[in-house]
Amino acid sequence: MPQFLTNKRLIILLGSIIILVALIGFSIRDRGNITWPEKFVKDVTGFGQNIISKPVSVVEEFFDNVGRLRNTYEENEKLRTNLDKLAQLESDVIRLEKDNVELRKLLEKEESLADYEPVQATVIARNPDRWYDLITIDQGESNGIEPDMAVMTASGLVGKVKSTSKFTSTVQLLSANDAQNRVSALIQSDKSNYGLIEGYDEEKRMLKMTKIPSDAKVEKGQFVTTSGLGGVFPKGLVIGKVMDLVPDEFGLTQTALVEPAASFYDLEHVMVSKRTMTEVLPKEESRQQVLIEEEGL
């Protein structure tokens, strides 16, 4: 009996293999039509693949978009960094071009001045509350800078050294509101007209030149320079030009409003004059110097 069951199982196994091989051969041959079981299996398989493939495609597309978004963000950050660097480079170019122009003008000015030794200096500090009063420069006693030395730009006089330390100096601008801040000046014309630069009109942004004789013929546009009579500033430094003339309340003298040749607002590079010689003054200038000294200059 067991032997019969074993043979039966063997027969069933062999029959199953034969049927399977037959079905495989039947399914792989070229046919124009397929049977309904094959259709059923294909439809079920296709439907399952469709159900699975769509979510997978959505998930795959989502992660692709995330990856592209991340790449876009990284590229945007790189571009932003490059733009920041470009802005800084443009700023540096503008600053260097401005410095180059100013330094060239200073060199040209330096070559035209023979009565003093110019010392190049850079403005390193400025008090916002006293913007038009004081500046600090990077040259001091170690460079031979002393109080009362004239300070100028390539355009003209801006002030004088007020105090010094070993490596820096404080400069008082002509626009400073200080009763002792005076400069002996003259108006260039056929006949020199002397006066004092003292005071600054903040509203009009003009210097005041006082003590001009009432009979002096002064015209708008005439240049005002240092006279050299005060013993502080070299002669001939440009201060500005006359824009208006106003008689004083008693009619004894006149006051000229002078437009500064140099800007007191935008100062970066300046020159300090180390005077190397004393000029011999004509009699008329010597007499004027005595008058100025008597008035307390």
C-alpha atoms as a PDB file:
ATOM      1  CA  MET A   1       0.000   0.000   0.000  1.00  0.00           C
ATOM      2  CA  PRO A   2       2.717   2.543   0.798  1.00  0.00           C
ATOM      3  CA  GLN A   3       4.504   1.586  -2.362  1.00  0.00           C
ATOM      4  CA  PHE A   4       1.353   2.336  -4.373  1.00  0.00           C
ATOM      5  CA  LEU A   5       0.983   5.761  -2.735  1.00  0.00           C
ATOM      6  CA  THR A   6       4.574   6.584  -3.542  1.00  0.00           C
ATOM      7  CA  ASN A   7       4.099   5.668  -7.183  1.00  0.00           C
ATOM      8  CA  LYS A   8       0.912   7.670  -7.323  1.00  0.00           C
ATOM      9  CA  ARG A   9       2.645  10.775  -6.053  1.00  0.00           C
ATOM     10  CA  LEU A  10       5.394  10.289  -8.588  1.00  0.00           C
ATOM     11  CA  ILE A  11       2.885   9.956 -11.388  1.00  0.00           C
ATOM     12  CA  ILE A  12       1.069  13.119 -10.239  1.00  0.00           C
ATOM     13  CA  LEU A  13       4.380  15.040 -10.076  1.00  0.00           C
ATOM     14  CA  LEU A  14       5.415  13.928 -13.534  1.00  0.00           C
ATOM     15  CA  GLY A  15       2.007  14.799 -14.918  1.00  0.00           C
ATOM     16  CA  SER A  16       2.158  18.239 -13.353  1.00  0.00           C
ATOM     17  CA  ILE A  17       5.581  18.872 -14.848  1.00  0.00           C
ATOM     18  CA  ILE A  18       4.359  17.820 -18.271  1.00  0.00           C
ATOM     19  CA  ILE A  19       1.305  20.089 -18.013  1.00  0.00           C
ATOM     20  CA  LEU A  20       3.483  23.001 -16.823  1.00  0.00           C
ATOM     21  CA  VAL A  21       5.918  22.573 -19.686  1.00  0.00           C
ATOM     22  CA  ALA A  22       3.028  22.381 -22.099  1.00  0.00           C
ATOM     23  CA  LEU A  23       1.511  25.562 -20.721  1.00  0.00           C
ATOM     24  CA  ILE A  24       4.872  27.356 -20.912  1.00  0.00           C
ATOM     25  CA  GLY A  25       5.335  26.262 -24.484  1.00  0.00           C
ATOM     26  CA  PHE A  26       1.786  27.258 -25.288  1.00  0.00           C
ATOM     27  CA  SER A  27       2.205  30.717 -23.714  1.00  0.00           C
ATOM     28  CA  ILE A  28       5.476  31.606 -25.382  1.00  0.00           C
ATOM     29  CA  ARG A  29       4.511  30.711 -28.915  1.00  0.00           C
ATOM     30  CA  ASP A  30       3.443  33.465 -31.293  1.00  0.00           C
ATOM     31  CA  ARG A  31      -0.280  33.873 -31.195  1.00  0.00           C
ATOM     32  CA  GLY A  32      -2.680  36.466 -32.413  1.00  0.00           C
ATOM     33  CA  ASN A  33      -5.042  36.017 -29.473  1.00  0.00           C
ATOM     34  CA  ILE A  34      -4.560  35.083 -25.848  1.00  0.00           C
ATOM     35  CA  THR A  35      -6.857  33.044 -23.662  1.00  0.00           C
ATOM     36  CA  TRP A  36      -9.163  34.570 -21.061  1.00  0.00           C
ATOM     37  CA  PRO A  37      -7.093  33.308 -18.100  1.00  0.00           C
ATOM     38  CA  GLU A  38      -4.059  35.069 -19.536  1.00  0.00           C
ATOM     39  CA  LYS A  39      -6.098  38.185 -20.067  1.00  0.00           C
ATOM     40  CA  PHE A  40      -7.301  38.010 -16.485  1.00  0.00           C
ATOM     41  CA  VAL A  41      -3.793  37.584 -15.119  1.00  0.00           C
ATOM     42  CA  LYS A  42      -2.457  40.404 -17.300  1.00  0.00           C
ATOM     43  CA  ASP A  43      -5.278  42.768 -16.313  1.00  0.00           C
ATOM     44  CA  VAL A  44      -4.808  42.034 -12.620  1.00  0.00           C
ATOM     45  CA  THR A  45      -1.043  42.443 -12.906  1.00  0.00           C
ATOM     46  CA  GLY A  46      -1.368  45.671 -14.923  1.00  0.00           C
ATOM     47  CA  PHE A  47      -3.898  47.126 -12.509  1.00  0.00           C
ATOM     48  CA  GLY A  48      -1.613  46.342  -9.577  1.00  0.00           C
ATOM     49  CA  GLN A  49       1.388  47.823 -11.327  1.00  0.00           C
ATOM     50  CA  ASN A  50      -0.611  50.966 -12.128  1.00  0.00           C
ATOM     51  CA  ILE A  51      -1.713  51.351  -8.509  1.00  0.00           C
ATOM     52  CA  ILE A  52       1.851  50.958  -7.264  1.00  0.00           C
ATOM     53  CA  SER A  53       3.632  52.960  -9.996  1.00  0.00           C
ATOM     54  CA  LYS A  54       1.632  56.177  -9.607  1.00  0.00           C
ATOM     55  CA  PRO A  55       2.446  56.766  -5.883  1.00  0.00           C
ATOM     56  CA  VAL A  56       6.013  55.721  -6.555  1.00  0.00           C
ATOM     57  CA  SER A  57       6.212  58.248  -9.413  1.00  0.00           C
ATOM     58  CA  VAL A  58       4.746  60.982  -7.201  1.00  0.00           C
ATOM     59  CA  VAL A  59       7.218  60.226  -4.423  1.00  0.00           C
ATOM     60  CA  GLU A  60      10.107  60.055  -6.875  1.00  0.00           C
ATOM     61  CA  GLU A  61       9.061  63.368  -8.464  1.00  0.00           C
ATOM     62  CA  PHE A  62       8.769  64.952  -5.002  1.00  0.00           C
ATOM     63  CA  PHE A  63      12.293  63.956  -4.040  1.00  0.00           C
ATOM     64  CA  ASP A  64      13.563  65.120  -7.446  1.00  0.00           C
ATOM     65  CA  ASN A  65      11.924  68.499  -6.854  1.00  0.00           C
ATOM     66  CA  VAL A  66      13.430  68.689  -3.370  1.00  0.00           C
ATOM     67  CA  GLY A  67      16.850  67.910  -4.827  1.00  0.00           C
ATOM     68  CA  ARG A  68      16.451  70.539  -7.544  1.00  0.00           C
ATOM     69  CA  LEU A  69      15.203  73.059  -4.964  1.00  0.00           C
ATOM     70  CA  ARG A  70      18.239  72.351  -2.779  1.00  0.00           C
ATOM     71  CA  ASN A  71      20.563  72.767  -5.765  1.00  0.00           C
ATOM     72  CA  THR A  72      18.781  76.009  -6.681  1.00  0.00           C
ATOM     73  CA  TYR A  73      19.182  77.294  -3.117  1.00  0.00           C
ATOM     74  CA  GLU A  74      22.896  76.463  -3.081  1.00  0.00           C
ATOM     75  CA  GLU A  75      23.408  78.126  -6.472  1.00  0.00           C
ATOM     76  CA  ASN A  76      21.432  81.158  -5.270  1.00  0.00           C
ATOM     77  CA  GLU A  77      23.659  81.444  -2.190  1.00  0.00           C
ATOM     78  CA  LYS A  78      26.768  81.261  -4.362  1.00  0.00           C
ATOM     79  CA  LEU A  79      25.373  83.938  -6.681  1.00  0.00           C
ATOM     80  CA  ARG A  80      24.422  86.120  -3.690  1.00  0.00           C
ATOM     81  CA  THR A  81      27.962  85.789  -2.330  1.00  0.00           C
ATOM     82  CA  ASN A  82      29.407  86.679  -5.718  1.00  0.00           C
ATOM     83  CA  LEU A  83      27.078  89.692  -5.948  1.00  0.00           C
ATOM     84  CA  ASP A  84      28.168  90.848  -2.492  1.00  0.00           C
ATOM     85  CA  LYS A  85      31.796  90.520  -3.567  1.00  0.00           C
ATOM     86  CA  LEU A  86      31.014  92.400  -6.786  1.00  0.00           C
ATOM     87  CA  ALA A  87      29.381  95.242  -4.839  1.00  0.00           C
ATOM     88  CA  GLN A  88      32.431  95.417  -2.570  1.00  0.00           C
ATOM     89  CA  LEU A  89      34.751  95.424  -5.579  1.00  0.00           C
ATOM     90  CA  GLU A  90      32.762  98.214  -7.214  1.00  0.00           C
ATOM     91  CA  SER A  91      32.915 100.184  -3.961  1.00  0.00           C
ATOM     92  CA  ASP A  92      36.670  99.607  -3.725  1.00  0.00           C
ATOM     93  CA  VAL A  93      37.164 100.705  -7.335  1.00  0.00           C
ATOM     94  CA  ILE A  94      35.203 103.923  -6.766  1.00  0.00           C
ATOM     95  CA  ARG A  95      37.115 104.639  -3.548  1.00  0.00           C
ATOM     96  CA  LEU A  96      40.487 103.918  -5.135  1.00  0.00           C
ATOM     97  CA  GLU A  97      39.675 106.070  -8.165  1.00  0.00           C
ATOM     98  CA  LYS A  98      38.699 108.911  -5.854  1.00  0.00           C
ATOM     99  CA  ASP A  99      41.866 108.432  -3.777  1.00  0.00           C
ATOM    100  CA  ASN A 100      43.946 108.343  -6.953  1.00  0.00           C
ATOM    101  CA  VAL A 101      42.487 111.632  -8.201  1.00  0.00           C
ATOM    102  CA  GLU A 102      42.962 113.323  -4.821  1.00  0.00           C
ATOM    103  CA  LEU A 103      46.544 112.072  -4.440  1.00  0.00           C
ATOM    104  CA  ARG A 104      47.427 113.171  -7.975  1.00  0.00           C
ATOM    105  CA  LYS A 105      46.097 116.636  -7.212  1.00  0.00           C
ATOM    106  CA  LEU A 106      48.071 116.715  -3.968  1.00  0.00           C
ATOM    107  CA  LEU A 107      51.255 115.750  -5.822  1.00  0.00           C
ATOM    108  CA  GLU A 108      50.655 118.488  -8.384  1.00  0.00           C
ATOM    109  CA  LYS A 109      50.021 120.952  -5.554  1.00  0.00           C
ATOM    110  CA  GLU A 110      53.140 119.759  -3.764  1.00  0.00           C
ATOM    111  CA  GLU A 111      55.296 120.436  -6.830  1.00  0.00           C
ATOM    112  CA  SER A 112      54.003 124.016  -7.085  1.00  0.00           C
ATOM    113  CA  LEU A 113      54.775 124.998  -3.495  1.00  0.00           C
ATOM    114  CA  ALA A 114      58.313 126.023  -2.663  1.00  0.00           C
ATOM    115  CA  ASP A 115      58.171 127.888   0.638  1.00  0.00           C
ATOM    116  CA  TYR A 116      57.240 124.942   2.844  1.00  0.00           C
ATOM    117  CA  GLU A 117      57.667 121.204   3.089  1.00  0.00           C
ATOM    118  CA  PRO A 118      54.368 119.356   2.595  1.00  0.00           C
ATOM    119  CA  VAL A 119      53.569 116.277   4.698  1.00  0.00           C
ATOM    120  CA  GLN A 120      50.929 113.897   3.379  1.00  0.00           C
ATOM    121  CA  ALA A 121      48.292 112.845   5.905  1.00  0.00           C
ATOM    122  CA  THR A 122      45.033 110.888   6.037  1.00  0.00           C
ATOM    123  CA  VAL A 123      41.949 111.747   8.084  1.00  0.00           C
ATOM    124  CA  ILE A 124      41.429 108.895  10.563  1.00  0.00           C
ATOM    125  CA  ALA A 125      38.740 110.259  12.917  1.00  0.00           C
ATOM    126  CA  ARG A 126      35.975 112.810  13.022  1.00  0.00           C
ATOM    127  CA  ASN A 127      33.423 113.625  15.706  1.00  0.00           C
ATOM    128  CA  PRO A 128      29.878 113.632  14.258  1.00  0.00           C
ATOM    129  CA  ASP A 129      28.828 116.253  16.823  1.00  0.00           C
ATOM    130  CA  ARG A 130      31.671 118.553  15.735  1.00  0.00           C
ATOM    131  CA  TRP A 131      31.833 117.595  12.067  1.00  0.00           C
ATOM    132  CA  TYR A 132      32.707 121.100  10.907  1.00  0.00           C
ATOM    133  CA  ASP A 133      35.089 121.822  13.791  1.00  0.00           C
ATOM    134  CA  LEU A 134      37.798 119.182  14.200  1.00  0.00           C
ATOM    135  CA  ILE A 135      39.397 116.261  12.386  1.00  0.00           C
ATOM    136  CA  THR A 136      42.177 113.859  13.414  1.00  0.00           C
ATOM    137  CA  ILE A 137      45.008 112.953  11.034  1.00  0.00           C
ATOM    138  CA  ASP A 138      47.600 110.147  11.106  1.00  0.00           C
ATOM    139  CA  GLN A 139      50.702 112.381  11.332  1.00  0.00           C
ATOM    140  CA  GLY A 140      52.110 113.740  14.588  1.00  0.00           C
ATOM    141  CA  GLU A 141      55.193 114.888  16.435  1.00  0.00           C
ATOM    142  CA  SER A 142      57.248 111.970  15.128  1.00  0.00           C
ATOM    143  CA  ASN A 143      56.731 113.387  11.624  1.00  0.00           C
ATOM    144  CA  GLY A 144      57.661 116.930  12.637  1.00  0.00           C
ATOM    145  CA  ILE A 145      54.075 118.199  12.915  1.00  0.00           C
ATOM    146  CA  GLU A 146      53.608 121.155  15.279  1.00  0.00           C
ATOM    147  CA  PRO A 147      50.637 123.257  16.384  1.00  0.00           C
ATOM    148  CA  ASP A 148      49.539 126.117  14.087  1.00  0.00           C
ATOM    149  CA  MET A 149      50.827 124.462  10.916  1.00  0.00           C
ATOM    150  CA  ALA A 150      48.543 124.988   7.921  1.00  0.00           C
ATOM    151  CA  VAL A 151      46.475 122.062   6.654  1.00  0.00           C
ATOM    152  CA  MET A 152      45.088 121.953   3.113  1.00  0.00           C
ATOM    153  CA  THR A 153      43.766 119.783   0.324  1.00  0.00           C
ATOM    154  CA  ALA A 154      44.588 120.073  -3.350  1.00  0.00           C
ATOM    155  CA  SER A 155      41.707 122.553  -3.638  1.00  0.00           C
ATOM    156  CA  GLY A 156      42.692 124.913  -0.862  1.00  0.00           C
ATOM    157  CA  LEU A 157      43.193 125.665   2.828  1.00  0.00           C
ATOM    158  CA  VAL A 158      41.014 123.768   5.322  1.00  0.00           C
ATOM    159  CA  GLY A 159      42.473 124.690   8.716  1.00  0.00           C
ATOM    160  CA  LYS A 160      45.454 124.449  11.031  1.00  0.00           C
ATOM    161  CA  VAL A 161      46.958 121.989  13.479  1.00  0.00           C
ATOM    162  CA  LYS A 162      45.487 122.626  16.933  1.00  0.00           C
ATOM    163  CA  SER A 163      47.297 119.983  18.991  1.00  0.00           C
ATOM    164  CA  THR A 164      49.644 117.068  18.425  1.00  0.00           C
ATOM    165  CA  SER A 165      50.545 113.719  19.940  1.00  0.00           C
ATOM    166  CA  LYS A 166      53.320 111.328  19.041  1.00  0.00           C
ATOM    167  CA  PHE A 167      51.571 109.809  16.028  1.00  0.00           C
ATOM    168  CA  THR A 168      48.416 111.876  15.429  1.00  0.00           C
ATOM    169  CA  SER A 169      47.297 115.494  15.280  1.00  0.00           C
ATOM    170  CA  THR A 170      44.032 117.343  15.793  1.00  0.00           C
ATOM    171  CA  VAL A 171      43.172 119.845  13.068  1.00  0.00           C
ATOM    172  CA  GLN A 172      40.840 122.784  13.600  1.00  0.00           C
ATOM    173  CA  LEU A 173      38.884 123.575  10.436  1.00  0.00           C
ATOM    174  CA  LEU A 174      38.255 127.094   9.157  1.00  0.00           C
ATOM    175  CA  SER A 175      34.562 126.390   9.663  1.00  0.00           C
ATOM    176  CA  ALA A 176      35.015 125.868  13.418  1.00  0.00           C
ATOM    177  CA  ASN A 177      33.005 128.200  15.631  1.00  0.00           C
ATOM    178  CA  ASP A 178      35.926 129.587  17.633  1.00  0.00           C
ATOM    179  CA  ALA A 179      36.704 133.256  18.277  1.00  0.00           C
ATOM    180  CA  GLN A 180      40.448 132.512  18.090  1.00  0.00           C
ATOM    181  CA  ASN A 181      40.108 130.718  14.751  1.00  0.00           C
ATOM    182  CA  ARG A 182      41.293 133.530  12.451  1.00  0.00           C
ATOM    183  CA  VAL A 183      43.394 133.705   9.301  1.00  0.00           C
ATOM    184  CA  SER A 184      45.074 136.762   7.813  1.00  0.00           C
ATOM    185  CA  ALA A 185      43.838 136.912   4.205  1.00  0.00           C
ATOM    186  CA  LEU A 186      43.837 139.130   1.149  1.00  0.00           C
ATOM    187  CA  ILE A 187      41.545 139.528  -1.832  1.00  0.00           C
ATOM    188  CA  GLN A 188      43.430 139.292  -5.096  1.00  0.00           C
ATOM    189  CA  SER A 189      42.851 142.325  -7.300  1.00  0.00           C
ATOM    190  CA  ASP A 190      44.828 145.247  -8.783  1.00  0.00           C
ATOM    191  CA  LYS A 191      45.193 146.516  -5.223  1.00  0.00           C
ATOM    192  CA  SER A 192      45.446 143.962  -2.442  1.00  0.00           C
ATOM    193  CA  ASN A 193      42.678 144.224   0.113  1.00  0.00           C
ATOM    194  CA  TYR A 194      43.472 142.629   3.472  1.00  0.00           C
ATOM    195  CA  GLY A 195      41.149 141.222   6.076  1.00  0.00           C
ATOM    196  CA  LEU A 196      40.570 138.358   8.502  1.00  0.00           C
ATOM    197  CA  ILE A 197      38.818 135.055   7.910  1.00  0.00           C
ATOM    198  CA  GLU A 198      36.839 134.630  11.126  1.00  0.00           C
ATOM    199  CA  GLY A 199      33.531 132.901  11.459  1.00  0.00           C
ATOM    200  CA  TYR A 200      31.462 130.589   9.316  1.00  0.00           C
ATOM    201  CA  ASP A 201      27.896 130.953   8.091  1.00  0.00           C
ATOM    202  CA  GLU A 202      26.541 127.407   8.530  1.00  0.00           C
ATOM    203  CA  GLU A 203      23.301 128.174   6.711  1.00  0.00           C
ATOM    204  CA  LYS A 204      25.041 129.555   3.606  1.00  0.00           C
ATOM    205  CA  ARG A 205      28.155 127.405   4.146  1.00  0.00           C
ATOM    206  CA  MET A 206      30.445 130.347   3.557  1.00  0.00           C
ATOM    207  CA  LEU A 207      33.391 131.814   5.413  1.00  0.00           C
ATOM    208  CA  LYS A 208      33.266 135.375   6.700  1.00  0.00           C
ATOM    209  CA  MET A 209      36.110 137.706   5.804  1.00  0.00           C
ATOM    210  CA  THR A 210      35.953 140.766   8.069  1.00  0.00           C
ATOM    211  CA  LYS A 211      37.927 143.997   8.532  1.00  0.00           C
ATOM    212  CA  ILE A 212      37.875 144.871   4.820  1.00  0.00           C
ATOM    213  CA  PRO A 213      38.223 148.666   4.416  1.00  0.00           C
ATOM    214  CA  SER A 214      34.958 150.390   3.534  1.00  0.00           C
ATOM    215  CA  ASP A 215      36.507 152.020   0.453  1.00  0.00           C
ATOM    216  CA  ALA A 216      37.971 148.776  -0.887  1.00  0.00           C
ATOM    217  CA  LYS A 217      36.692 147.823  -4.326  1.00  0.00           C
ATOM    218  CA  VAL A 218      35.804 144.164  -4.079  1.00  0.00           C
ATOM    219  CA  GLU A 219      34.002 142.242  -6.797  1.00  0.00           C
ATOM    220  CA  LYS A 220      32.195 138.955  -6.809  1.00  0.00           C
ATOM    221  CA  GLY A 221      34.388 136.079  -8.000  1.00  0.00           C
ATOM    222  CA  GLN A 222      37.719 137.510  -6.795  1.00  0.00           C
ATOM    223  CA  PHE A 223      39.955 134.943  -5.138  1.00  0.00           C
ATOM    224  CA  VAL A 224      40.844 135.052  -1.466  1.00  0.00           C
ATOM    225  CA  THR A 225      44.234 133.679  -0.346  1.00  0.00           C
ATOM    226  CA  THR A 226      46.357 133.670   2.782  1.00  0.00           C
ATOM    227  CA  SER A 227      48.400 136.871   3.129  1.00  0.00           C
ATOM    228  CA  GLY A 228      51.288 135.327   5.049  1.00  0.00           C
ATOM    229  CA  LEU A 229      51.142 138.245   7.516  1.00  0.00           C
ATOM    230  CA  GLY A 230      49.964 136.298  10.544  1.00  0.00           C
ATOM    231  CA  GLY A 231      53.163 134.265  10.746  1.00  0.00           C
ATOM    232  CA  VAL A 232      51.217 130.992  10.779  1.00  0.00           C
ATOM    233  CA  PHE A 233      50.123 130.256   7.240  1.00  0.00           C
ATOM    234  CA  PRO A 234      52.338 130.467   4.151  1.00  0.00           C
ATOM    235  CA  LYS A 235      51.439 133.180   1.701  1.00  0.00           C
ATOM    236  CA  GLY A 236      49.280 132.424  -1.310  1.00  0.00           C
ATOM    237  CA  LEU A 237      47.238 129.439  -0.120  1.00  0.00           C
ATOM    238  CA  VAL A 238      43.830 129.529  -1.771  1.00  0.00           C
ATOM    239  CA  ILE A 239      40.940 129.966   0.667  1.00  0.00           C
ATOM    240  CA  GLY A 240      38.036 130.614  -1.696  1.00  0.00           C
ATOM    241  CA  LYS A 241      36.358 133.310  -3.730  1.00  0.00           C
ATOM    242  CA  VAL A 242      34.128 136.255  -2.874  1.00  0.00           C
ATOM    243  CA  MET A 243      30.412 135.652  -3.362  1.00  0.00           C
ATOM    244  CA  ASP A 244      28.905 138.688  -1.609  1.00  0.00           C
ATOM    245  CA  LEU A 245      29.938 141.864   0.223  1.00  0.00           C
ATOM    246  CA  VAL A 246      28.116 143.329   3.224  1.00  0.00           C
ATOM    247  CA  PRO A 247      28.981 146.605   5.059  1.00  0.00           C
ATOM    248  CA  ASP A 248      29.115 146.461   8.846  1.00  0.00           C
ATOM    249  CA  GLU A 249      26.544 148.292  10.971  1.00  0.00           C
ATOM    250  CA  PHE A 250      28.790 151.314  11.430  1.00  0.00           C
ATOM    251  CA  GLY A 251      29.925 151.549   7.813  1.00  0.00           C
ATOM    252  CA  LEU A 252      33.618 151.524   8.744  1.00  0.00           C
ATOM    253  CA  THR A 253      34.505 148.143   7.248  1.00  0.00           C
ATOM    254  CA  GLN A 254      33.016 145.489   5.031  1.00  0.00           C
ATOM    255  CA  THR A 255      32.470 141.763   5.409  1.00  0.00           C
ATOM    256  CA  ALA A 256      32.819 139.417   2.451  1.00  0.00           C
ATOM    257  CA  LEU A 257      31.086 136.049   2.228  1.00  0.00           C
ATOM    258  CA  VAL A 258      33.678 133.657   0.830  1.00  0.00           C
ATOM    259  CA  GLU A 259      32.835 130.351  -0.794  1.00  0.00           C
ATOM    260  CA  PRO A 260      35.494 127.870   0.415  1.00  0.00           C
ATOM    261  CA  ALA A 261      37.700 126.377  -2.281  1.00  0.00           C
ATOM    262  CA  ALA A 262      37.984 123.122  -0.313  1.00  0.00           C
ATOM    263  CA  SER A 263      35.141 121.033   1.021  1.00  0.00           C
ATOM    264  CA  PHE A 264      34.983 120.839   4.815  1.00  0.00           C
ATOM    265  CA  TYR A 265      32.443 118.029   4.617  1.00  0.00           C
ATOM    266  CA  ASP A 266      34.306 115.389   2.607  1.00  0.00           C
ATOM    267  CA  LEU A 267      37.915 115.175   3.805  1.00  0.00           C
ATOM    268  CA  GLU A 268      40.125 112.116   3.398  1.00  0.00           C
ATOM    269  CA  HIS A 269      43.598 113.172   2.244  1.00  0.00           C
ATOM    270  CA  VAL A 270      45.267 116.402   3.342  1.00  0.00           C
ATOM    271  CA  MET A 271      48.693 118.057   3.454  1.00  0.00           C
ATOM    272  CA  VAL A 272      50.333 119.717   6.420  1.00  0.00           C
ATOM    273  CA  SER A 273      52.743 122.563   5.612  1.00  0.00           C
ATOM    274  CA  LYS A 274      56.061 122.514   7.460  1.00  0.00           C
ATOM    275  CA  ARG A 275      57.263 126.019   6.755  1.00  0.00           C
ATOM    276  CA  THR A 276      60.947 126.103   5.771  1.00  0.00           C
ATOM    277  CA  MET A 277      61.617 129.800   5.256  1.00  0.00           C
ATOM    278  CA  THR A 278      60.463 133.220   6.424  1.00  0.00           C
ATOM    279  CA  GLU A 279      59.530 135.707   3.733  1.00  0.00           C
ATOM    280  CA  VAL A 280      60.711 139.306   3.692  1.00  0.00           C
ATOM    281  CA  LEU A 281      57.554 141.404   3.802  1.00  0.00           C
ATOM    282  CA  PRO A 282      57.100 144.656   1.858  1.00  0.00           C
ATOM    283  CA  LYS A 283      56.532 147.835   3.862  1.00  0.00           C
ATOM    284  CA  GLU A 284      52.822 147.878   3.142  1.00  0.00           C
ATOM    285  CA  GLU A 285      52.431 144.270   4.292  1.00  0.00           C
ATOM    286  CA  SER A 286      54.572 144.908   7.389  1.00  0.00           C
ATOM    287  CA  ARG A 287      52.309 147.796   8.334  1.00  0.00           C
ATOM    288  CA  GLN A 288      49.237 145.609   7.810  1.00  0.00           C
ATOM    289  CA  GLN A 289      50.779 142.897   9.976  1.00  0.00           C
ATOM    290  CA  VAL A 290      51.232 145.363  12.822  1.00  0.00           C
ATOM    291  CA  LEU A 291      47.579 146.379  12.547  1.00  0.00           C
ATOM    292  CA  ILE A 292      46.465 142.767  12.620  1.00  0.00           C
ATOM    293  CA  GLU A 293      48.654 141.962  15.607  1.00  0.00           C
ATOM    294  CA  GLU A 294      47.205 144.979  17.433  1.00  0.00           C
ATOM    295  CA  GLU A 295      43.749 143.545  16.876  1.00  0.00           C
ATOM    296  CA  GLY A 296      44.815 140.370  18.631  1.00  0.00           C
ATOM    297  CA  LEU A 297      45.660 137.900  15.864  1.00  0.00           C
END
